[in-house]
C-alpha atoms as a PDB file:
ATOM      1  CA  MET A   1      10.115 -16.001  -6.322  1.00  0.00           C
ATOM      2  CA  SER A   2      11.894 -14.504  -3.606  1.00  0.00           C
ATOM      3  CA  ALA A   3      13.452 -11.016  -4.591  1.00  0.00           C
ATOM      4  CA  THR A   4      17.244 -10.143  -4.946  1.00  0.00           C
ATOM      5  CA  SER A   5      18.534  -7.962  -2.197  1.00  0.00           C
ATOM      6  CA  ARG A   6      19.110  -5.368  -4.829  1.00  0.00           C
ATOM      7  CA  GLU A   7      15.646  -5.485  -5.865  1.00  0.00           C
ATOM      8  CA  ALA A   8      13.987  -5.743  -2.577  1.00  0.00           C
ATOM      9  CA  GLN A   9      16.006  -2.688  -1.555  1.00  0.00           C
ATOM     10  CA  ALA A  10      14.902  -0.499  -4.458  1.00  0.00           C
ATOM     11  CA  ALA A  11      11.104  -1.148  -3.883  1.00  0.00           C
ATOM     12  CA  LEU A  12      11.699  -0.548  -0.359  1.00  0.00           C
ATOM     13  CA  ASP A  13      13.241   2.843  -1.125  1.00  0.00           C
ATOM     14  CA  LEU A  14      10.279   3.638  -3.288  1.00  0.00           C
ATOM     15  CA  HIS A  15       7.942   2.816  -0.556  1.00  0.00           C
ATOM     16  CA  ASN A  16       9.898   5.034   2.009  1.00  0.00           C
ATOM     17  CA  LYS A  17      10.046   7.778  -0.445  1.00  0.00           C
ATOM     18  CA  ALA A  18       6.468   8.054  -0.934  1.00  0.00           C
ATOM     19  CA  ARG A  19       6.051   7.771   2.671  1.00  0.00           C
ATOM     20  CA  ARG A  20       8.347  10.767   3.604  1.00  0.00           C
ATOM     21  CA  GLU A  21       6.742  12.689   0.774  1.00  0.00           C
ATOM     22  CA  ALA A  22       3.035  12.039   1.720  1.00  0.00           C
ATOM     23  CA  LEU A  23       0.885  14.534   3.306  1.00  0.00           C
ATOM     24  CA  GLY A  24       0.673  14.610   6.859  1.00  0.00           C
ATOM     25  CA  GLY A  25       4.440  13.396   7.216  1.00  0.00           C
ATOM     26  CA  CYS A  26       5.845  11.563  10.226  1.00  0.00           C
ATOM     27  CA  ARG A  27       5.522   8.017   8.923  1.00  0.00           C
ATOM     28  CA  PRO A  28       8.426   5.916   9.852  1.00  0.00           C
ATOM     29  CA  ASP A  29      10.402   4.067   7.279  1.00  0.00           C
ATOM     30  CA  LEU A  30       9.388   0.555   6.715  1.00  0.00           C
ATOM     31  CA  VAL A  31      11.668  -2.495   7.274  1.00  0.00           C
ATOM     32  CA  TRP A  32      11.974  -5.350   4.814  1.00  0.00           C
ATOM     33  CA  SER A  33      10.227  -8.384   6.368  1.00  0.00           C
ATOM     34  CA  ARG A  34      11.469 -11.726   5.144  1.00  0.00           C
ATOM     35  CA  SER A  35       8.451 -13.482   6.765  1.00  0.00           C
ATOM     36  CA  LEU A  36       6.036 -11.164   4.968  1.00  0.00           C
ATOM     37  CA  GLU A  37       8.177 -11.809   1.730  1.00  0.00           C
ATOM     38  CA  ALA A  38       7.400 -15.503   2.321  1.00  0.00           C
ATOM     39  CA  ILE A  39       3.669 -15.073   2.811  1.00  0.00           C
ATOM     40  CA  ALA A  40       3.613 -12.737  -0.265  1.00  0.00           C
ATOM     41  CA  GLU A  41       5.240 -15.264  -2.499  1.00  0.00           C
ATOM     42  CA  ALA A  42       3.097 -18.155  -1.205  1.00  0.00           C
ATOM     43  CA  TYR A  43      -0.024 -16.179  -2.353  1.00  0.00           C
ATOM     44  CA  ALA A  44       1.580 -15.266  -5.518  1.00  0.00           C
ATOM     45  CA  LYS A  45       2.255 -18.791  -6.404  1.00  0.00           C
ATOM     46  CA  LYS A  46      -1.481 -19.612  -5.445  1.00  0.00           C
ATOM     47  CA  LEU A  47      -2.726 -16.933  -7.864  1.00  0.00           C
ATOM     48  CA  VAL A  48      -0.431 -18.628 -10.569  1.00  0.00           C
ATOM     49  CA  ARG A  49      -1.797 -22.199  -9.576  1.00  0.00           C
ATOM     50  CA  MET A  50      -5.355 -20.833  -9.585  1.00  0.00           C
ATOM     51  CA  ASN A  51      -5.204 -19.188 -12.994  1.00  0.00           C
ATOM     52  CA  ARG A  52      -8.236 -16.963 -12.647  1.00  0.00           C
ATOM     53  CA  GLY A  53      -6.681 -13.444 -12.678  1.00  0.00           C
ATOM     54  CA  MET A  54      -5.940 -10.948  -9.920  1.00  0.00           C
ATOM     55  CA  ILE A  55      -7.880 -12.037  -6.773  1.00  0.00           C
ATOM     56  CA  HIS A  56      -7.181 -10.267  -3.468  1.00  0.00           C
ATOM     57  CA  ASP A  57      -6.602 -12.673  -0.685  1.00  0.00           C
ATOM     58  CA  PRO A  58      -9.662 -13.044   1.578  1.00  0.00           C
ATOM     59  CA  ARG A  59      -7.608 -13.840   4.517  1.00  0.00           C
ATOM     60  CA  ALA A  60      -5.324 -10.760   4.502  1.00  0.00           C
ATOM     61  CA  ALA A  61      -7.823  -8.565   6.410  1.00  0.00           C
ATOM     62  CA  GLU A  62      -8.478 -11.461   8.995  1.00  0.00           C
ATOM     63  CA  LEU A  63      -4.483 -11.814   9.485  1.00  0.00           C
ATOM     64  CA  ASN A  64      -4.180  -7.824   9.749  1.00  0.00           C
ATOM     65  CA  MET A  65      -2.070  -7.709   6.654  1.00  0.00           C
ATOM     66  CA  GLY A  66      -2.427  -5.262   3.943  1.00  0.00           C
ATOM     67  CA  GLU A  67      -1.986  -6.354   0.435  1.00  0.00           C
ATOM     68  CA  ASN A  68      -1.102  -4.725  -3.063  1.00  0.00           C
ATOM     69  CA  LEU A  69      -1.281  -6.757  -6.190  1.00  0.00           C
ATOM     70  CA  THR A  70       0.106  -6.161  -9.884  1.00  0.00           C
ATOM     71  CA  MET A  71      -0.550  -8.744 -12.651  1.00  0.00           C
ATOM     72  CA  GLY A  72       1.249  -8.544 -16.140  1.00  0.00           C
ATOM     73  CA  GLU A  73       1.992 -10.833 -18.931  1.00  0.00           C
ATOM     74  CA  TYR A  74       5.126 -13.276 -18.418  1.00  0.00           C
ATOM     75  CA  SER A  75       7.414 -15.130 -20.880  1.00  0.00           C
ATOM     76  CA  PRO A  76      10.157 -17.272 -19.650  1.00  0.00           C
ATOM     77  CA  LYS A  77      12.389 -15.301 -21.782  1.00  0.00           C
ATOM     78  CA  LEU A  78      11.363 -11.692 -20.230  1.00  0.00           C
ATOM     79  CA  LEU A  79      10.604 -10.724 -16.670  1.00  0.00           C
ATOM     80  CA  VAL A  80       8.008  -7.977 -17.360  1.00  0.00           C
ATOM     81  CA  LEU A  81       7.111  -6.614 -13.993  1.00  0.00           C
ATOM     82  CA  THR A  82       9.673  -6.149 -11.160  1.00  0.00           C
ATOM     83  CA  LEU A  83       8.950  -5.303  -7.596  1.00  0.00           C
ATOM     84  CA  THR A  84      10.302  -1.839  -8.386  1.00  0.00           C
ATOM     85  CA  GLU A  85       7.884  -1.475 -11.344  1.00  0.00           C
ATOM     86  CA  SER A  86       5.015  -2.557  -9.230  1.00  0.00           C
ATOM     87  CA  THR A  87       5.926  -0.354  -6.381  1.00  0.00           C
ATOM     88  CA  ARG A  88       6.190   2.643  -8.849  1.00  0.00           C
ATOM     89  CA  GLY A  89       2.557   1.671 -10.120  1.00  0.00           C
ATOM     90  CA  TRP A  90       1.106   1.814  -6.621  1.00  0.00           C
ATOM     91  CA  VAL A  91       3.160   5.241  -5.664  1.00  0.00           C
ATOM     92  CA  ASN A  92       2.141   6.751  -8.931  1.00  0.00           C
ATOM     93  CA  GLU A  93      -1.700   6.673  -7.759  1.00  0.00           C
ATOM     94  CA  GLU A  94      -0.612   9.638  -5.620  1.00  0.00           C
ATOM     95  CA  LYS A  95      -1.591  11.882  -8.262  1.00  0.00           C
ATOM     96  CA  TRP A  96      -5.141  11.032  -7.790  1.00  0.00           C
ATOM     97  CA  TYR A  97      -5.528  10.877  -4.207  1.00  0.00           C
ATOM     98  CA  LYS A  98      -6.513  14.159  -2.658  1.00  0.00           C
ATOM     99  CA  GLY A  99      -7.058  13.047   0.869  1.00  0.00           C
ATOM    100  CA  GLU A 100     -10.334  11.646   0.445  1.00  0.00           C
ATOM    101  CA  PRO A 101     -11.686   9.524   3.370  1.00  0.00           C
ATOM    102  CA  VAL A 102     -10.747   5.699   2.699  1.00  0.00           C
ATOM    103  CA  SER A 103     -13.742   4.125   1.339  1.00  0.00           C
ATOM    104  CA  ARG A 104     -14.817   0.920  -0.360  1.00  0.00           C
ATOM    105  CA  THR A 105     -14.178   2.467  -3.780  1.00  0.00           C
ATOM    106  CA  MET A 106     -10.649   3.962  -3.194  1.00  0.00           C
ATOM    107  CA  LYS A 107     -11.093   5.997  -6.643  1.00  0.00           C
ATOM    108  CA  ASP A 108     -11.358   9.654  -7.412  1.00  0.00           C
ATOM    109  CA  ASN A 109     -14.522  10.906  -9.195  1.00  0.00           C
ATOM    110  CA  ARG A 110     -13.345   9.921 -12.570  1.00  0.00           C
ATOM    111  CA  GLY A 111     -12.587   6.301 -11.650  1.00  0.00           C
ATOM    112  CA  ASN A 112      -8.750   6.501 -11.204  1.00  0.00           C
ATOM    113  CA  GLN A 113      -7.859   4.115  -8.190  1.00  0.00           C
ATOM    114  CA  TRP A 114      -5.620   5.365  -5.352  1.00  0.00           C
ATOM    115  CA  GLY A 115      -6.173   2.492  -2.756  1.00  0.00           C
ATOM    116  CA  HIS A 116      -2.622   1.110  -3.474  1.00  0.00           C
ATOM    117  CA  TYR A 117      -1.021   4.495  -2.652  1.00  0.00           C
ATOM    118  CA  THR A 118      -2.964   4.817   0.630  1.00  0.00           C
ATOM    119  CA  GLN A 119      -1.681   1.224   1.514  1.00  0.00           C
ATOM    120  CA  VAL A 120       1.991   2.288   0.753  1.00  0.00           C
ATOM    121  CA  ILE A 121       1.338   5.612   2.905  1.00  0.00           C
ATOM    122  CA  SER A 122      -0.630   3.872   5.673  1.00  0.00           C
ATOM    123  CA  THR A 123       0.653   5.029   9.093  1.00  0.00           C
ATOM    124  CA  ARG A 124       0.131   1.598  10.686  1.00  0.00           C
ATOM    125  CA  CYS A 125       2.506  -0.125   8.598  1.00  0.00           C
ATOM    126  CA  THR A 126       6.271  -0.796   9.714  1.00  0.00           C
ATOM    127  CA  LYS A 127       7.434  -3.597   7.626  1.00  0.00           C
ATOM    128  CA  VAL A 128       6.509  -5.118   4.187  1.00  0.00           C
ATOM    129  CA  GLY A 129       7.621  -8.023   2.158  1.00  0.00           C
ATOM    130  CA  ILE A 130       7.009  -8.320  -1.612  1.00  0.00           C
ATOM    131  CA  ALA A 131       7.564 -11.196  -4.025  1.00  0.00           C
ATOM    132  CA  TYR A 132       6.474 -12.565  -7.336  1.00  0.00           C
ATOM    133  CA  ALA A 133       5.387 -15.687  -9.069  1.00  0.00           C
ATOM    134  CA  SER A 134       5.012 -16.505 -12.793  1.00  0.00           C
ATOM    135  CA  GLY A 135       3.301 -19.250 -14.926  1.00  0.00           C
ATOM    136  CA  HIS A 136       0.458 -20.019 -17.232  1.00  0.00           C
ATOM    137  CA  ASN A 137       2.014 -16.558 -19.252  1.00  0.00           C
ATOM    138  CA  VAL A 138       1.243 -14.276 -16.457  1.00  0.00           C
ATOM    139  CA  GLN A 139       3.038 -12.806 -13.492  1.00  0.00           C
ATOM    140  CA  PHE A 140       1.900 -11.612 -10.260  1.00  0.00           C
ATOM    141  CA  VAL A 141       3.543  -9.401  -7.804  1.00  0.00           C
ATOM    142  CA  VAL A 142       2.236  -9.428  -4.293  1.00  0.00           C
ATOM    143  CA  ALA A 143       2.961  -6.839  -1.449  1.00  0.00           C
ATOM    144  CA  ARG A 144       2.330  -7.823   1.903  1.00  0.00           C
ATOM    145  CA  PRO A 145       2.642  -4.487   4.538  1.00  0.00           C
ATOM    146  CA  SER A 146       2.564  -5.423   8.034  1.00  0.00           C
ATOM    147  CA  GLN A 147      -0.943  -3.892   8.873  1.00  0.00           C
ATOM    148  CA  TRP A 148      -4.028  -3.730   6.989  1.00  0.00           C
ATOM    149  CA  PHE A 149      -5.036   0.003   6.507  1.00  0.00           C
ATOM    150  CA  ASN A 150      -8.687  -1.039   7.208  1.00  0.00           C
ATOM    151  CA  SER A 151     -10.347   0.421   3.956  1.00  0.00           C
ATOM    152  CA  PHE A 152     -13.609  -0.383   5.276  1.00  0.00           C
ATOM    153  CA  ALA A 153     -13.410   1.580   8.684  1.00  0.00           C
ATOM    154  CA  LYS A 154     -17.181   2.004   9.721  1.00  0.00           C
ATOM    155  CA  THR A 155     -16.889   5.295  11.683  1.00  0.00           C
ATOM    156  CA  GLN A 156     -14.987   8.606  11.220  1.00  0.00           C
ATOM    157  CA  GLU A 157     -12.926   7.763  14.316  1.00  0.00           C
ATOM    158  CA  GLU A 158     -11.731   4.551  12.967  1.00  0.00           C
ATOM    159  CA  ARG A 159     -10.945   6.369   9.584  1.00  0.00           C
ATOM    160  CA  GLU A 160      -9.207   8.745  11.198  1.00  0.00           C
ATOM    161  CA  GLU A 161      -6.972   6.377  13.375  1.00  0.00           C
ATOM    162  CA  VAL A 162      -5.606   5.235  10.222  1.00  0.00           C
ATOM    163  CA  PHE A 163      -5.290   8.473   8.118  1.00  0.00           C
ATOM    164  CA  PRO A 164      -5.637  11.178  10.718  1.00  0.00           C
ATOM    165  CA  TRP A 165      -4.775  13.894   8.359  1.00  0.00           C
ATOM    166  CA  GLN A 166      -7.747  13.237   6.239  1.00  0.00           C
ATOM    167  CA  PRO A 167      -9.962  16.230   5.678  1.00  0.00           C
ATOM    168  CA  LEU A 168     -13.305  16.652   7.553  1.00  0.00           C
ATOM    169  CA  TRP A 169     -14.930  17.984   4.419  1.00  0.00           C
ATOM    170  CA  ARG A 170     -13.320  16.663   1.550  1.00  0.00           C
ATOM    171  CA  HIS A 171     -13.481  19.874  -0.596  1.00  0.00           C
ATOM    172  CA  HIS A 172     -12.224  22.372   1.938  1.00  0.00           C
ATOM    173  CA  GLU A 173      -8.422  22.644   1.626  1.00  0.00           C
ATOM    174  CA  TRP A 174      -8.077  24.982   4.517  1.00  0.00           C
ATOM    175  CA  GLU A 175      -9.913  22.360   6.960  1.00  0.00           C
ATOM    176  CA  PHE A 176      -7.413  19.776   5.681  1.00  0.00           C
ATOM    177  CA  LEU A 177      -4.511  21.959   6.792  1.00  0.00           C
ATOM    178  CA  ILE A 178      -6.142  23.071  10.049  1.00  0.00           C
ATOM    179  CA  LYS A 179      -6.440  19.436  10.679  1.00  0.00           C
ATOM    180  CA  GLU A 180      -2.892  18.259   9.834  1.00  0.00           C
ATOM    181  CA  GLU A 181      -1.508  21.409  11.992  1.00  0.00           C
ATOM    182  CA  LEU A 182      -3.808  20.243  15.005  1.00  0.00           C
ATOM    183  CA  TRP A 183      -2.635  16.586  14.457  1.00  0.00           C
ATOM    184  CA  MET A 184       1.202  17.609  14.313  1.00  0.00           C
ATOM    185  CA  SER A 185       0.938  20.186  17.411  1.00  0.00           C
ATOM    186  CA  GLN A 186      -0.462  17.479  19.410  1.00  0.00           C
ATOM    187  CA  GLY A 187       2.945  15.631  18.945  1.00  0.00           C
ATOM    188  CA  LYS A 188       1.526  12.769  17.133  1.00  0.00           C
ATOM    189  CA  CYS A 189       3.683  11.237  14.432  1.00  0.00           C
ATOM    190  CA  GLY A 190       2.597   8.322  12.545  1.00  0.00           C
ATOM    191  CA  LEU A 191       2.171   5.171  14.984  1.00  0.00           C
ATOM    192  CA  GLY A 192       2.046   7.367  18.233  1.00  0.00           C
ATOM    193  CA  GLU A 193       3.643  10.252  20.360  1.00  0.00           C
ATOM    194  CA  VAL A 194       6.948  11.751  19.367  1.00  0.00           C
END
């Protein structure tokens, strides 16, 4: 289903609040995209039809779109997952993300996921659309950010292009701060020069 204006705005506000509060700063606010919402809705409906659980869309990366998914139980009498609740869950992963390089696992050393959070704060994203679909006693919420954050970047340069404020060495906070200051002093802010 398409989101109501109020529901969409609340989810968008949570995305933008997380982006403003994220380390590295200077992320432009996202804007709501009805076309990305329609793509998200189509994929949520496909997940319901397939009835095989939560499966990431293999075409998302090819189309240079991001993706965050949430799945929950559904009853016709009760909408369990809202766009806001799903967004809150993705944003809450911030507590586990400590600036690690984006990798295939996107987890901390205890197995806590943070990949949804890094998609929310990606500097490459400018727009997002979120929708849900329900059926077979399950509900899916799908977010489609405008840019895939390239979680499988092959080189340090590719990773830095996505998250330029990542620490060079994961366990040295002072290097993290130096790199962030260098990035900011060069006048770079999110998607480009200020």
